[in-house]
Amino acid sequence: MAKLTLKDRLLAQRIYLILGALFIASLVVSNLIFQKFFSFDFFGIYTFELSVGILPYPITFLITDIISEVYGKRKANQVVTAGIFASVFSMGIIYVSSAVTATEWSPVSDALFDKVFGATVVAVFASMMAYLLAQYIDISIFHFWKRLTRGKHLWLRNNFSTFLSQFVDTFTVLVLLCSFGKIEWHLFAGLLLSGFLFKVLVAAADTPFLYAAVYVLRRRFGLKVGEEIDLEKEEIK
C-alpha cells in the first residue's frame, strides 16, 4: 500500500469535504423545493410530469458513486449519514420559523410561508426514508459490482446500482407522500413512471461526468484501477 504525501492527503480531504458539501446541499434543496411541479416533452416520445425537487437529487447519486470509487464504501456511507443529520436539522429550522408569527409588514405572510414550506416536514420524512433505502442500496450494489469486476467496467456498476436505487427511492417517497395525503393516489403511477424514467436518463447521462471525475482523481493521486484512498490510514489501498 502506497503512502500519501502530506500535500496529497490534505488535497484528498479537501476534495472529499467539497463533494460532501455538494451532496448535502443538493439533498436539502430537493426537500425544500419539491412542491413545484413541471412537465416537458422528451422529443415527442414521452411527456414527463415531475417535481422540481427531482432536479438536484440525481446529483447526490453521482457524488456518492465518485466517493465510492475513489474513497471507498465507508466514506460514501459517512456522507449519506451526514445528509440525514442535515435534513433533520433543516426540518427543525423550518419548524421553528413556521411557529413564530410574521409581522404585518412582512413580505411573506404566515399563510404563504406555510403554503410553501408547510409540507416540508412530511417531505423530509418521506425523502429520508426513501433516501436511506436508496443510497445504501446504491452504495452496496456499486461495491458488489466493483468486487465482481475487480474494479473494471465503471459504467456497469454506476448504472446498475443507480437504476435499482432510483426506483426504490421514487417508489418509496411517492408511497409515503400519497399515504400522508400530500399527493393524490391517482397520480401515483404517472409520477412513478415519470420520476423513474427521468432518473434513468440522468443516470445514463452522468456516466461521462463520473468517468471524467474518476479519471482526474486517479491521475492526480496515482491510483490504479480498483484502488481507493484511505483517508483514515493516510494511504492508498
C-alpha atoms as a PDB file:
ATOM      1  CA  MET A   1       0.000   0.000   0.000  1.00  0.00           C
ATOM      2  CA  ALA A   2       1.429   3.365  -1.045  1.00  0.00           C
ATOM      3  CA  LYS A   3       1.568   6.201   1.465  1.00  0.00           C
ATOM      4  CA  LEU A   4       0.071   9.588   0.638  1.00  0.00           C
ATOM      5  CA  THR A   5       2.246  12.655   0.987  1.00  0.00           C
ATOM      6  CA  LEU A   6       1.038  15.375   3.353  1.00  0.00           C
ATOM      7  CA  LYS A   7       0.140  17.581   0.378  1.00  0.00           C
ATOM      8  CA  ASP A   8      -1.853  14.823  -1.300  1.00  0.00           C
ATOM      9  CA  ARG A   9      -3.583  13.864   1.929  1.00  0.00           C
ATOM     10  CA  LEU A  10      -4.735  17.427   2.573  1.00  0.00           C
ATOM     11  CA  LEU A  11      -5.921  17.795  -1.016  1.00  0.00           C
ATOM     12  CA  ALA A  12      -7.791  14.477  -0.877  1.00  0.00           C
ATOM     13  CA  GLN A  13      -9.510  15.531   2.348  1.00  0.00           C
ATOM     14  CA  ARG A  14     -10.428  18.915   0.863  1.00  0.00           C
ATOM     15  CA  ILE A  15     -11.959  17.315  -2.233  1.00  0.00           C
ATOM     16  CA  TYR A  16     -13.900  14.887  -0.057  1.00  0.00           C
ATOM     17  CA  LEU A  17     -15.302  17.773   2.006  1.00  0.00           C
ATOM     18  CA  ILE A  18     -16.309  19.664  -1.154  1.00  0.00           C
ATOM     19  CA  LEU A  19     -18.078  16.602  -2.563  1.00  0.00           C
ATOM     20  CA  GLY A  20     -19.818  16.077   0.769  1.00  0.00           C
ATOM     21  CA  ALA A  21     -20.940  19.712   0.878  1.00  0.00           C
ATOM     22  CA  LEU A  22     -22.370  19.498  -2.658  1.00  0.00           C
ATOM     23  CA  PHE A  23     -24.128  16.265  -1.740  1.00  0.00           C
ATOM     24  CA  ILE A  24     -25.768  17.734   1.378  1.00  0.00           C
ATOM     25  CA  ALA A  25     -26.743  20.966  -0.393  1.00  0.00           C
ATOM     26  CA  SER A  26     -28.395  19.013  -3.232  1.00  0.00           C
ATOM     27  CA  LEU A  27     -30.289  16.807  -0.792  1.00  0.00           C
ATOM     28  CA  VAL A  28     -31.576  19.631   1.422  1.00  0.00           C
ATOM     29  CA  VAL A  29     -32.577  21.815  -1.539  1.00  0.00           C
ATOM     30  CA  SER A  30     -34.508  18.966  -3.152  1.00  0.00           C
ATOM     31  CA  ASN A  31     -36.603  18.699   0.026  1.00  0.00           C
ATOM     32  CA  LEU A  32     -37.314  22.443   0.103  1.00  0.00           C
ATOM     33  CA  ILE A  33     -38.479  22.909  -3.487  1.00  0.00           C
ATOM     34  CA  PHE A  34     -40.411  19.680  -4.083  1.00  0.00           C
ATOM     35  CA  GLN A  35     -43.911  21.245  -4.141  1.00  0.00           C
ATOM     36  CA  LYS A  36     -43.457  22.842  -7.565  1.00  0.00           C
ATOM     37  CA  PHE A  37     -44.228  20.512 -10.487  1.00  0.00           C
ATOM     38  CA  PHE A  38     -43.373  20.904 -14.149  1.00  0.00           C
ATOM     39  CA  SER A  39     -43.662  18.968 -17.387  1.00  0.00           C
ATOM     40  CA  PHE A  40     -41.573  18.720 -20.521  1.00  0.00           C
ATOM     41  CA  ASP A  41     -41.809  16.832 -23.775  1.00  0.00           C
ATOM     42  CA  PHE A  42     -38.922  14.453 -24.440  1.00  0.00           C
ATOM     43  CA  PHE A  43     -38.562  14.674 -28.229  1.00  0.00           C
ATOM     44  CA  GLY A  44     -42.228  13.775 -28.655  1.00  0.00           C
ATOM     45  CA  ILE A  45     -41.613  10.316 -27.170  1.00  0.00           C
ATOM     46  CA  TYR A  46     -42.838  10.920 -23.645  1.00  0.00           C
ATOM     47  CA  THR A  47     -44.120  13.840 -21.594  1.00  0.00           C
ATOM     48  CA  PHE A  48     -42.613  13.971 -18.123  1.00  0.00           C
ATOM     49  CA  GLU A  49     -44.526  15.349 -15.130  1.00  0.00           C
ATOM     50  CA  LEU A  50     -42.069  15.897 -12.306  1.00  0.00           C
ATOM     51  CA  SER A  51     -41.406  17.748  -9.088  1.00  0.00           C
ATOM     52  CA  VAL A  52     -38.568  20.269  -9.353  1.00  0.00           C
ATOM     53  CA  GLY A  53     -37.180  18.520  -6.289  1.00  0.00           C
ATOM     54  CA  ILE A  54     -36.033  15.759  -8.601  1.00  0.00           C
ATOM     55  CA  LEU A  55     -33.616  18.074 -10.431  1.00  0.00           C
ATOM     56  CA  PRO A  56     -30.820  18.235  -7.805  1.00  0.00           C
ATOM     57  CA  TYR A  57     -31.451  14.742  -6.430  1.00  0.00           C
ATOM     58  CA  PRO A  58     -29.594  12.693  -9.098  1.00  0.00           C
ATOM     59  CA  ILE A  59     -26.507  14.748  -8.265  1.00  0.00           C
ATOM     60  CA  THR A  60     -26.407  13.007  -4.888  1.00  0.00           C
ATOM     61  CA  PHE A  61     -26.094   9.599  -6.549  1.00  0.00           C
ATOM     62  CA  LEU A  62     -23.359  10.832  -8.874  1.00  0.00           C
ATOM     63  CA  ILE A  63     -21.408  12.191  -5.907  1.00  0.00           C
ATOM     64  CA  THR A  64     -21.748   9.018  -3.829  1.00  0.00           C
ATOM     65  CA  ASP A  65     -20.558   6.991  -6.831  1.00  0.00           C
ATOM     66  CA  ILE A  66     -17.495   9.238  -7.168  1.00  0.00           C
ATOM     67  CA  ILE A  67     -16.768   8.929  -3.453  1.00  0.00           C
ATOM     68  CA  SER A  68     -17.366   5.174  -3.534  1.00  0.00           C
ATOM     69  CA  GLU A  69     -14.961   4.720  -6.413  1.00  0.00           C
ATOM     70  CA  VAL A  70     -12.171   6.937  -5.077  1.00  0.00           C
ATOM     71  CA  TYR A  71     -12.585   6.933  -1.282  1.00  0.00           C
ATOM     72  CA  GLY A  72     -14.393   3.640  -0.638  1.00  0.00           C
ATOM     73  CA  LYS A  73     -17.674   2.382   0.762  1.00  0.00           C
ATOM     74  CA  ARG A  74     -17.156   3.651   4.321  1.00  0.00           C
ATOM     75  CA  LYS A  75     -16.618   7.268   3.263  1.00  0.00           C
ATOM     76  CA  ALA A  76     -19.644   7.128   0.961  1.00  0.00           C
ATOM     77  CA  ASN A  77     -21.806   5.871   3.826  1.00  0.00           C
ATOM     78  CA  GLN A  78     -20.480   8.655   6.060  1.00  0.00           C
ATOM     79  CA  VAL A  79     -21.689  11.272   3.574  1.00  0.00           C
ATOM     80  CA  VAL A  80     -25.098   9.617   3.452  1.00  0.00           C
ATOM     81  CA  THR A  81     -25.323   9.710   7.253  1.00  0.00           C
ATOM     82  CA  ALA A  82     -24.279  13.376   7.279  1.00  0.00           C
ATOM     83  CA  GLY A  83     -27.066  14.080   4.792  1.00  0.00           C
ATOM     84  CA  ILE A  84     -29.606  12.575   7.190  1.00  0.00           C
ATOM     85  CA  PHE A  85     -28.489  14.875  10.012  1.00  0.00           C
ATOM     86  CA  ALA A  86     -28.555  17.878   7.659  1.00  0.00           C
ATOM     87  CA  SER A  87     -32.116  17.040   6.597  1.00  0.00           C
ATOM     88  CA  VAL A  88     -33.321  16.702  10.183  1.00  0.00           C
ATOM     89  CA  PHE A  89     -31.574  19.946  11.148  1.00  0.00           C
ATOM     90  CA  SER A  90     -33.144  21.850   8.238  1.00  0.00           C
ATOM     91  CA  MET A  91     -36.533  20.416   9.162  1.00  0.00           C
ATOM     92  CA  GLY A  92     -36.099  21.761  12.711  1.00  0.00           C
ATOM     93  CA  ILE A  93     -35.202  25.234  11.437  1.00  0.00           C
ATOM     94  CA  ILE A  94     -38.272  25.299   9.191  1.00  0.00           C
ATOM     95  CA  TYR A  95     -40.499  24.144  12.055  1.00  0.00           C
ATOM     96  CA  VAL A  96     -39.255  26.929  14.342  1.00  0.00           C
ATOM     97  CA  SER A  97     -39.573  29.500  11.536  1.00  0.00           C
ATOM     98  CA  SER A  98     -43.166  28.424  10.951  1.00  0.00           C
ATOM     99  CA  ALA A  99     -44.001  28.683  14.660  1.00  0.00           C
ATOM    100  CA  VAL A 100     -43.089  32.372  15.002  1.00  0.00           C
ATOM    101  CA  THR A 101     -45.672  34.950  13.847  1.00  0.00           C
ATOM    102  CA  ALA A 102     -44.902  37.161  10.853  1.00  0.00           C
ATOM    103  CA  THR A 103     -45.124  40.934  11.251  1.00  0.00           C
ATOM    104  CA  GLU A 104     -47.824  42.885   9.420  1.00  0.00           C
ATOM    105  CA  TRP A 105     -45.247  44.335   7.029  1.00  0.00           C
ATOM    106  CA  SER A 106     -43.501  41.023   6.357  1.00  0.00           C
ATOM    107  CA  PRO A 107     -43.272  40.364   2.567  1.00  0.00           C
ATOM    108  CA  VAL A 108     -44.007  36.713   3.327  1.00  0.00           C
ATOM    109  CA  SER A 109     -47.091  36.096   5.457  1.00  0.00           C
ATOM    110  CA  ASP A 110     -47.636  33.123   7.753  1.00  0.00           C
ATOM    111  CA  ALA A 111     -50.125  31.661   5.279  1.00  0.00           C
ATOM    112  CA  LEU A 112     -47.754  31.971   2.341  1.00  0.00           C
ATOM    113  CA  PHE A 113     -44.833  30.568   4.329  1.00  0.00           C
ATOM    114  CA  ASP A 114     -46.898  27.577   5.453  1.00  0.00           C
ATOM    115  CA  LYS A 115     -48.148  27.016   1.917  1.00  0.00           C
ATOM    116  CA  VAL A 116     -44.605  26.846   0.559  1.00  0.00           C
ATOM    117  CA  PHE A 117     -42.884  25.078   3.451  1.00  0.00           C
ATOM    118  CA  GLY A 118     -45.803  23.540   5.332  1.00  0.00           C
ATOM    119  CA  ALA A 119     -45.380  20.151   3.730  1.00  0.00           C
ATOM    120  CA  THR A 120     -41.618  20.175   4.173  1.00  0.00           C
ATOM    121  CA  VAL A 121     -41.704  18.152   7.404  1.00  0.00           C
ATOM    122  CA  VAL A 122     -43.601  15.360   5.672  1.00  0.00           C
ATOM    123  CA  ALA A 123     -41.426  15.726   2.583  1.00  0.00           C
ATOM    124  CA  VAL A 124     -38.221  15.478   4.592  1.00  0.00           C
ATOM    125  CA  PHE A 125     -39.507  12.433   6.456  1.00  0.00           C
ATOM    126  CA  ALA A 126     -40.590  10.740   3.220  1.00  0.00           C
ATOM    127  CA  SER A 127     -37.387  11.760   1.492  1.00  0.00           C
ATOM    128  CA  MET A 128     -35.224  10.484   4.344  1.00  0.00           C
ATOM    129  CA  MET A 129     -36.906   7.088   4.367  1.00  0.00           C
ATOM    130  CA  ALA A 130     -36.552   6.762   0.609  1.00  0.00           C
ATOM    131  CA  TYR A 131     -33.088   8.261   0.774  1.00  0.00           C
ATOM    132  CA  LEU A 132     -31.896   5.798   3.417  1.00  0.00           C
ATOM    133  CA  LEU A 133     -33.047   2.812   1.402  1.00  0.00           C
ATOM    134  CA  ALA A 134     -31.906   4.093  -1.978  1.00  0.00           C
ATOM    135  CA  GLN A 135     -28.475   5.441  -1.049  1.00  0.00           C
ATOM    136  CA  TYR A 136     -27.381   2.444   0.999  1.00  0.00           C
ATOM    137  CA  ILE A 137     -28.672   0.115  -1.728  1.00  0.00           C
ATOM    138  CA  ASP A 138     -26.806   2.166  -4.346  1.00  0.00           C
ATOM    139  CA  ILE A 139     -23.520   2.047  -2.424  1.00  0.00           C
ATOM    140  CA  SER A 140     -23.836  -1.671  -1.620  1.00  0.00           C
ATOM    141  CA  ILE A 141     -24.623  -2.671  -5.205  1.00  0.00           C
ATOM    142  CA  PHE A 142     -21.879  -0.375  -6.518  1.00  0.00           C
ATOM    143  CA  HIS A 143     -19.263  -2.121  -4.396  1.00  0.00           C
ATOM    144  CA  PHE A 144     -20.698  -5.560  -5.162  1.00  0.00           C
ATOM    145  CA  TRP A 145     -20.123  -4.946  -8.872  1.00  0.00           C
ATOM    146  CA  LYS A 146     -16.747  -3.361  -8.138  1.00  0.00           C
ATOM    147  CA  ARG A 147     -15.576  -6.528  -6.386  1.00  0.00           C
ATOM    148  CA  LEU A 148     -17.117  -8.735  -9.051  1.00  0.00           C
ATOM    149  CA  THR A 149     -15.436  -6.862 -11.927  1.00  0.00           C
ATOM    150  CA  ARG A 150     -12.205  -6.272  -9.964  1.00  0.00           C
ATOM    151  CA  GLY A 151     -12.524  -2.536 -10.320  1.00  0.00           C
ATOM    152  CA  LYS A 152     -13.196  -2.563 -14.064  1.00  0.00           C
ATOM    153  CA  HIS A 153     -16.314  -1.540 -16.049  1.00  0.00           C
ATOM    154  CA  LEU A 154     -17.164   1.568 -14.053  1.00  0.00           C
ATOM    155  CA  TRP A 155     -20.142   2.295 -16.330  1.00  0.00           C
ATOM    156  CA  LEU A 156     -21.686  -1.062 -15.382  1.00  0.00           C
ATOM    157  CA  ARG A 157     -21.726  -0.571 -11.625  1.00  0.00           C
ATOM    158  CA  ASN A 158     -22.630   3.107 -11.940  1.00  0.00           C
ATOM    159  CA  ASN A 159     -25.751   2.441 -13.979  1.00  0.00           C
ATOM    160  CA  PHE A 160     -26.843  -0.865 -12.444  1.00  0.00           C
ATOM    161  CA  SER A 161     -26.601   0.440  -8.899  1.00  0.00           C
ATOM    162  CA  THR A 162     -28.293   3.741  -9.732  1.00  0.00           C
ATOM    163  CA  PHE A 163     -31.161   2.255 -11.765  1.00  0.00           C
ATOM    164  CA  LEU A 164     -32.306  -0.011  -8.927  1.00  0.00           C
ATOM    165  CA  SER A 165     -31.716   2.508  -6.141  1.00  0.00           C
ATOM    166  CA  GLN A 166     -33.536   5.270  -8.034  1.00  0.00           C
ATOM    167  CA  PHE A 167     -36.585   3.043  -8.486  1.00  0.00           C
ATOM    168  CA  VAL A 168     -36.582   2.271  -4.741  1.00  0.00           C
ATOM    169  CA  ASP A 169     -36.212   5.984  -3.990  1.00  0.00           C
ATOM    170  CA  THR A 170     -39.032   7.094  -6.313  1.00  0.00           C
ATOM    171  CA  PHE A 171     -41.415   4.341  -5.239  1.00  0.00           C
ATOM    172  CA  THR A 172     -40.839   4.830  -1.507  1.00  0.00           C
ATOM    173  CA  VAL A 173     -41.159   8.616  -1.451  1.00  0.00           C
ATOM    174  CA  LEU A 174     -44.335   8.564  -3.554  1.00  0.00           C
ATOM    175  CA  VAL A 175     -45.954   5.885  -1.372  1.00  0.00           C
ATOM    176  CA  LEU A 176     -45.241   7.947   1.743  1.00  0.00           C
ATOM    177  CA  LEU A 177     -46.390  11.259   0.227  1.00  0.00           C
ATOM    178  CA  CYS A 178     -49.603   9.653  -1.051  1.00  0.00           C
ATOM    179  CA  SER A 179     -50.172   7.972   2.320  1.00  0.00           C
ATOM    180  CA  PHE A 180     -49.869  11.335   4.094  1.00  0.00           C
ATOM    181  CA  GLY A 181     -52.283  12.913   1.607  1.00  0.00           C
ATOM    182  CA  LYS A 182     -49.731  15.273   0.070  1.00  0.00           C
ATOM    183  CA  ILE A 183     -50.227  13.730  -3.384  1.00  0.00           C
ATOM    184  CA  GLU A 184     -53.397  12.104  -4.723  1.00  0.00           C
ATOM    185  CA  TRP A 185     -53.168   8.332  -5.254  1.00  0.00           C
ATOM    186  CA  HIS A 186     -54.459   8.586  -8.828  1.00  0.00           C
ATOM    187  CA  LEU A 187     -51.250  10.474  -9.678  1.00  0.00           C
ATOM    188  CA  PHE A 188     -49.020   7.753  -8.217  1.00  0.00           C
ATOM    189  CA  ALA A 189     -48.463   5.598 -11.319  1.00  0.00           C
ATOM    190  CA  GLY A 190     -47.767   8.540 -13.632  1.00  0.00           C
ATOM    191  CA  LEU A 191     -45.357  10.198 -11.207  1.00  0.00           C
ATOM    192  CA  LEU A 192     -43.598   6.871 -10.544  1.00  0.00           C
ATOM    193  CA  LEU A 193     -43.079   6.245 -14.239  1.00  0.00           C
ATOM    194  CA  SER A 194     -42.014   9.811 -14.978  1.00  0.00           C
ATOM    195  CA  GLY A 195     -39.711  10.000 -11.965  1.00  0.00           C
ATOM    196  CA  PHE A 196     -38.019   6.681 -12.619  1.00  0.00           C
ATOM    197  CA  LEU A 197     -37.570   7.228 -16.370  1.00  0.00           C
ATOM    198  CA  PHE A 198     -36.161  10.694 -15.755  1.00  0.00           C
ATOM    199  CA  LYS A 199     -33.689   9.370 -13.198  1.00  0.00           C
ATOM    200  CA  VAL A 200     -32.638   6.558 -15.549  1.00  0.00           C
ATOM    201  CA  LEU A 201     -31.948   9.086 -18.305  1.00  0.00           C
ATOM    202  CA  VAL A 202     -29.981  11.293 -15.919  1.00  0.00           C
ATOM    203  CA  ALA A 203     -28.014   8.309 -14.584  1.00  0.00           C
ATOM    204  CA  ALA A 204     -27.060   7.314 -18.117  1.00  0.00           C
ATOM    205  CA  ALA A 205     -26.201  10.915 -18.983  1.00  0.00           C
ATOM    206  CA  ASP A 206     -23.996  11.428 -15.938  1.00  0.00           C
ATOM    207  CA  THR A 207     -21.748   8.434 -16.748  1.00  0.00           C
ATOM    208  CA  PRO A 208     -19.262  10.576 -18.750  1.00  0.00           C
ATOM    209  CA  PHE A 209     -19.056  13.021 -15.822  1.00  0.00           C
ATOM    210  CA  LEU A 210     -18.351  10.127 -13.458  1.00  0.00           C
ATOM    211  CA  TYR A 211     -15.601   8.842 -15.752  1.00  0.00           C
ATOM    212  CA  ALA A 212     -14.108  12.323 -16.041  1.00  0.00           C
ATOM    213  CA  ALA A 213     -14.099  12.905 -12.272  1.00  0.00           C
ATOM    214  CA  VAL A 214     -12.637   9.479 -11.511  1.00  0.00           C
ATOM    215  CA  TYR A 215     -10.005   9.879 -14.250  1.00  0.00           C
ATOM    216  CA  VAL A 216      -8.872  13.252 -12.880  1.00  0.00           C
ATOM    217  CA  LEU A 217      -8.695  11.998  -9.298  1.00  0.00           C
ATOM    218  CA  ARG A 218      -6.920   8.765 -10.229  1.00  0.00           C
ATOM    219  CA  ARG A 219      -4.389  10.684 -12.279  1.00  0.00           C
ATOM    220  CA  ARG A 220      -3.802  13.259  -9.522  1.00  0.00           C
ATOM    221  CA  PHE A 221      -3.319  10.720  -6.730  1.00  0.00           C
ATOM    222  CA  GLY A 222      -1.686   7.949  -8.788  1.00  0.00           C
ATOM    223  CA  LEU A 223      -4.493   5.445  -8.271  1.00  0.00           C
ATOM    224  CA  LYS A 224      -4.671   2.234 -10.256  1.00  0.00           C
ATOM    225  CA  VAL A 225      -7.982   0.729 -11.361  1.00  0.00           C
ATOM    226  CA  GLY A 226      -9.790  -0.529  -8.262  1.00  0.00           C
ATOM    227  CA  GLU A 227      -7.567   1.325  -5.781  1.00  0.00           C
ATOM    228  CA  GLU A 228      -9.054   3.673  -3.185  1.00  0.00           C
ATOM    229  CA  ILE A 229      -7.743   6.447  -0.963  1.00  0.00           C
ATOM    230  CA  ASP A 230      -7.933   5.577   2.732  1.00  0.00           C
ATOM    231  CA  LEU A 231      -8.103   8.947   4.479  1.00  0.00           C
ATOM    232  CA  GLU A 232      -8.072   7.392   7.934  1.00  0.00           C
ATOM    233  CA  LYS A 233      -4.900   5.398   7.355  1.00  0.00           C
ATOM    234  CA  GLU A 234      -3.452   8.062   5.061  1.00  0.00           C
ATOM    235  CA  GLU A 235      -2.647   5.589   2.293  1.00  0.00           C
ATOM    236  CA  ILE A 236      -3.827   4.090  -0.995  1.00  0.00           C
ATOM    237  CA  LYS A 237      -5.333   0.647  -0.690  1.00  0.00           C
END
